[in-house]
C-alpha atoms as a PDB file:
ATOM      1  CA  UNK A   1     -67.009 -11.729  85.900  1.00  0.00           C
ATOM      2  CA  UNK A   2     -65.557 -14.429  83.645  1.00  0.00           C
ATOM      3  CA  UNK A   3     -62.831 -16.453  85.271  1.00  0.00           C
ATOM      4  CA  UNK A   4     -61.860 -19.998  86.084  1.00  0.00           C
ATOM      5  CA  UNK A   5     -59.915 -21.447  88.939  1.00  0.00           C
ATOM      6  CA  UNK A   6     -57.835 -24.515  88.303  1.00  0.00           C
ATOM      7  CA  UNK A   7     -55.589 -26.112  90.903  1.00  0.00           C
ATOM      8  CA  UNK A   8     -52.448 -27.438  89.245  1.00  0.00           C
ATOM      9  CA  UNK A   9     -50.170 -29.737  91.246  1.00  0.00           C
ATOM     10  CA  UNK A  10     -46.597 -28.626  91.789  1.00  0.00           C
ATOM     11  CA  UNK A  11     -44.423 -31.365  90.329  1.00  0.00           C
ATOM     12  CA  UNK A  12     -41.006 -29.678  90.261  1.00  0.00           C
ATOM     13  CA  UNK A  13     -38.973 -26.961  91.913  1.00  0.00           C
ATOM     14  CA  UNK A  14     -36.129 -25.160  90.179  1.00  0.00           C
ATOM     15  CA  UNK A  15     -34.084 -23.002  92.545  1.00  0.00           C
ATOM     16  CA  UNK A  16     -32.106 -20.162  91.008  1.00  0.00           C
ATOM     17  CA  UNK A  17     -29.179 -18.980  93.062  1.00  0.00           C
ATOM     18  CA  UNK A  18     -25.781 -17.462  92.294  1.00  0.00           C
ATOM     19  CA  UNK A  19     -22.675 -19.630  92.617  1.00  0.00           C
ATOM     20  CA  UNK A  20     -20.784 -16.948  94.544  1.00  0.00           C
ATOM     21  CA  UNK A  21     -21.306 -13.726  96.487  1.00  0.00           C
ATOM     22  CA  UNK A  22     -21.227 -10.669  94.213  1.00  0.00           C
ATOM     23  CA  UNK A  23     -19.667  -8.599  97.020  1.00  0.00           C
ATOM     24  CA  UNK A  24     -16.837 -10.776  98.323  1.00  0.00           C
ATOM     25  CA  UNK A  25     -16.631 -13.693  95.866  1.00  0.00           C
ATOM     26  CA  UNK A  26     -17.217 -16.361  98.545  1.00  0.00           C
ATOM     27  CA  UNK A  27     -18.638 -19.598  97.110  1.00  0.00           C
ATOM     28  CA  UNK A  28     -22.335 -20.252  97.761  1.00  0.00           C
ATOM     29  CA  UNK A  29     -23.782 -23.775  97.896  1.00  0.00           C
ATOM     30  CA  UNK A  30     -27.232 -25.257  98.395  1.00  0.00           C
ATOM     31  CA  UNK A  31     -26.351 -25.544 102.117  1.00  0.00           C
ATOM     32  CA  UNK A  32     -25.664 -21.787 102.420  1.00  0.00           C
ATOM     33  CA  UNK A  33     -28.433 -20.029 104.354  1.00  0.00           C
ATOM     34  CA  UNK A  34     -30.676 -18.024 102.023  1.00  0.00           C
ATOM     35  CA  UNK A  35     -34.018 -16.239 101.956  1.00  0.00           C
ATOM     36  CA  UNK A  36     -36.362 -15.717  99.021  1.00  0.00           C
ATOM     37  CA  UNK A  37     -37.157 -12.053  98.273  1.00  0.00           C
ATOM     38  CA  UNK A  38     -39.559 -12.598  95.388  1.00  0.00           C
ATOM     39  CA  UNK A  39     -40.965 -15.357  93.241  1.00  0.00           C
ATOM     40  CA  UNK A  40     -42.696 -15.857  89.937  1.00  0.00           C
ATOM     41  CA  UNK A  41     -44.942 -18.579  88.590  1.00  0.00           C
ATOM     42  CA  UNK A  42     -44.671 -19.386  84.914  1.00  0.00           C
ATOM     43  CA  UNK A  43     -46.887 -21.913  83.193  1.00  0.00           C
ATOM     44  CA  UNK A  44     -46.522 -22.982  79.567  1.00  0.00           C
ATOM     45  CA  UNK A  45     -49.916 -23.993  78.224  1.00  0.00           C
ATOM     46  CA  UNK A  46     -49.804 -25.859  74.954  1.00  0.00           C
END
């Protein structure tokens, strides 16, 4: 097996949320209750 483990610190969070409900059009803000259904990590190595 050839692999490495590197622990990278999390230094930023970028939430992605819609500005309004697709069903009723009601405005959504950062204070609106929400729940994450999936997530993805993306790292740009240069």
